Amino acid sequence: MKNITDLILENEGLIYKIINKYKNYFELEDLYQVAVIGIIKAYKNYKENYNTKFTSYAYPYILGEVIKYINEFRS
């Protein structure tokens, strides 16, 4: 497995693709930090034998954390 910092840097494009939808409503830095939590959770649960790319596996984790943050922010 890779170093988590390298993994985050390699997937910044995916992170920004997800969080750019919400940048007009929330701070980009906050969204980025929440998205990194999603990457870390995906990294901990990902197994090489899943026959899927890490980015495909991580996408729902990242989006889920961002949506959870938005919902907590609203309430």
C-alpha atoms as a PDB file:
ATOM      1  CA  MET A   1       0.000   0.000   0.000  1.00  0.00           C
ATOM      2  CA  LYS A   2       1.037   3.584  -0.611  1.00  0.00           C
ATOM      3  CA  ASN A   3       1.828   6.417   1.718  1.00  0.00           C
ATOM      4  CA  ILE A   4      -1.451   8.203   2.543  1.00  0.00           C
ATOM      5  CA  THR A   5      -0.012  11.641   1.689  1.00  0.00           C
ATOM      6  CA  ASP A   6       0.996  10.463  -1.782  1.00  0.00           C
ATOM      7  CA  LEU A   7      -2.432   8.918  -2.249  1.00  0.00           C
ATOM      8  CA  ILE A   8      -4.151  12.198  -1.361  1.00  0.00           C
ATOM      9  CA  LEU A   9      -1.925  14.172  -3.725  1.00  0.00           C
ATOM     10  CA  GLU A  10      -2.516  11.676  -6.541  1.00  0.00           C
ATOM     11  CA  ASN A  11      -6.274  11.990  -6.114  1.00  0.00           C
ATOM     12  CA  GLU A  12      -6.547  15.767  -5.747  1.00  0.00           C
ATOM     13  CA  GLY A  13      -8.189  15.963  -9.157  1.00  0.00           C
ATOM     14  CA  LEU A  14     -10.971  13.678  -7.985  1.00  0.00           C
ATOM     15  CA  ILE A  15     -11.333  15.622  -4.750  1.00  0.00           C
ATOM     16  CA  TYR A  16     -11.636  18.954  -6.541  1.00  0.00           C
ATOM     17  CA  LYS A  17     -14.015  17.502  -9.110  1.00  0.00           C
ATOM     18  CA  ILE A  18     -16.391  16.552  -6.286  1.00  0.00           C
ATOM     19  CA  ILE A  19     -16.066  19.634  -4.080  1.00  0.00           C
ATOM     20  CA  ASN A  20     -16.152  22.280  -6.818  1.00  0.00           C
ATOM     21  CA  LYS A  21     -19.926  21.842  -7.040  1.00  0.00           C
ATOM     22  CA  TYR A  22     -20.271  23.230  -3.526  1.00  0.00           C
ATOM     23  CA  LYS A  23     -17.556  25.910  -3.478  1.00  0.00           C
ATOM     24  CA  ASN A  24     -20.055  28.751  -3.870  1.00  0.00           C
ATOM     25  CA  TYR A  25     -21.838  27.734  -0.685  1.00  0.00           C
ATOM     26  CA  PHE A  26     -19.046  26.468   1.568  1.00  0.00           C
ATOM     27  CA  GLU A  27     -15.368  27.202   2.122  1.00  0.00           C
ATOM     28  CA  LEU A  28     -13.222  25.253  -0.337  1.00  0.00           C
ATOM     29  CA  GLU A  29     -10.631  24.466   2.324  1.00  0.00           C
ATOM     30  CA  ASP A  30     -13.271  22.967   4.633  1.00  0.00           C
ATOM     31  CA  LEU A  31     -14.671  20.874   1.803  1.00  0.00           C
ATOM     32  CA  TYR A  32     -11.161  19.701   0.904  1.00  0.00           C
ATOM     33  CA  GLN A  33     -10.488  18.572   4.465  1.00  0.00           C
ATOM     34  CA  VAL A  34     -13.766  16.672   4.600  1.00  0.00           C
ATOM     35  CA  ALA A  35     -12.999  15.051   1.243  1.00  0.00           C
ATOM     36  CA  VAL A  36      -9.606  13.930   2.548  1.00  0.00           C
ATOM     37  CA  ILE A  37     -11.396  12.161   5.392  1.00  0.00           C
ATOM     38  CA  GLY A  38     -13.363  10.292   2.722  1.00  0.00           C
ATOM     39  CA  ILE A  39     -10.130   9.332   0.923  1.00  0.00           C
ATOM     40  CA  ILE A  40      -8.657   8.033   4.181  1.00  0.00           C
ATOM     41  CA  LYS A  41     -11.759   5.958   4.929  1.00  0.00           C
ATOM     42  CA  ALA A  42     -11.715   4.518   1.416  1.00  0.00           C
ATOM     43  CA  TYR A  43      -7.999   3.745   1.748  1.00  0.00           C
ATOM     44  CA  LYS A  44      -8.570   1.830   4.989  1.00  0.00           C
ATOM     45  CA  ASN A  45     -11.355  -0.275   3.486  1.00  0.00           C
ATOM     46  CA  TYR A  46      -9.972  -0.815  -0.025  1.00  0.00           C
ATOM     47  CA  LYS A  47      -8.650  -4.236  -0.960  1.00  0.00           C
ATOM     48  CA  GLU A  48      -6.548  -4.782  -4.079  1.00  0.00           C
ATOM     49  CA  ASN A  49      -8.610  -7.844  -5.029  1.00  0.00           C
ATOM     50  CA  TYR A  50     -11.841  -5.820  -5.454  1.00  0.00           C
ATOM     51  CA  ASN A  51     -11.179  -5.640  -9.226  1.00  0.00           C
ATOM     52  CA  THR A  52     -11.890  -1.906  -9.307  1.00  0.00           C
ATOM     53  CA  LYS A  53      -9.742   1.193  -9.510  1.00  0.00           C
ATOM     54  CA  PHE A  54      -9.161   3.026  -6.253  1.00  0.00           C
ATOM     55  CA  THR A  55     -10.725   6.208  -7.631  1.00  0.00           C
ATOM     56  CA  SER A  56     -13.949   4.386  -8.475  1.00  0.00           C
ATOM     57  CA  TYR A  57     -13.990   2.871  -5.006  1.00  0.00           C
ATOM     58  CA  ALA A  58     -13.161   6.157  -3.258  1.00  0.00           C
ATOM     59  CA  TYR A  59     -15.694   8.361  -5.071  1.00  0.00           C
ATOM     60  CA  PRO A  60     -18.721   7.384  -2.922  1.00  0.00           C
ATOM     61  CA  TYR A  61     -16.660   7.730   0.263  1.00  0.00           C
ATOM     62  CA  ILE A  62     -15.573  11.254  -0.656  1.00  0.00           C
ATOM     63  CA  LEU A  63     -19.026  12.328  -1.811  1.00  0.00           C
ATOM     64  CA  GLY A  64     -20.604  10.787   1.277  1.00  0.00           C
ATOM     65  CA  GLU A  65     -18.341  12.728   3.624  1.00  0.00           C
ATOM     66  CA  VAL A  66     -19.001  15.973   1.762  1.00  0.00           C
ATOM     67  CA  ILE A  67     -22.772  15.459   1.864  1.00  0.00           C
ATOM     68  CA  LYS A  68     -22.598  14.526   5.543  1.00  0.00           C
ATOM     69  CA  TYR A  69     -20.686  17.750   6.216  1.00  0.00           C
ATOM     70  CA  ILE A  70     -23.238  19.813   4.291  1.00  0.00           C
ATOM     71  CA  ASN A  71     -26.137  18.225   6.169  1.00  0.00           C
ATOM     72  CA  GLU A  72     -24.471  18.791   9.546  1.00  0.00           C
ATOM     73  CA  PHE A  73     -23.721  22.385   8.576  1.00  0.00           C
ATOM     74  CA  ARG A  74     -27.370  23.052   7.749  1.00  0.00           C
ATOM     75  CA  SER A  75     -28.791  21.696  10.996  1.00  0.00           C
END
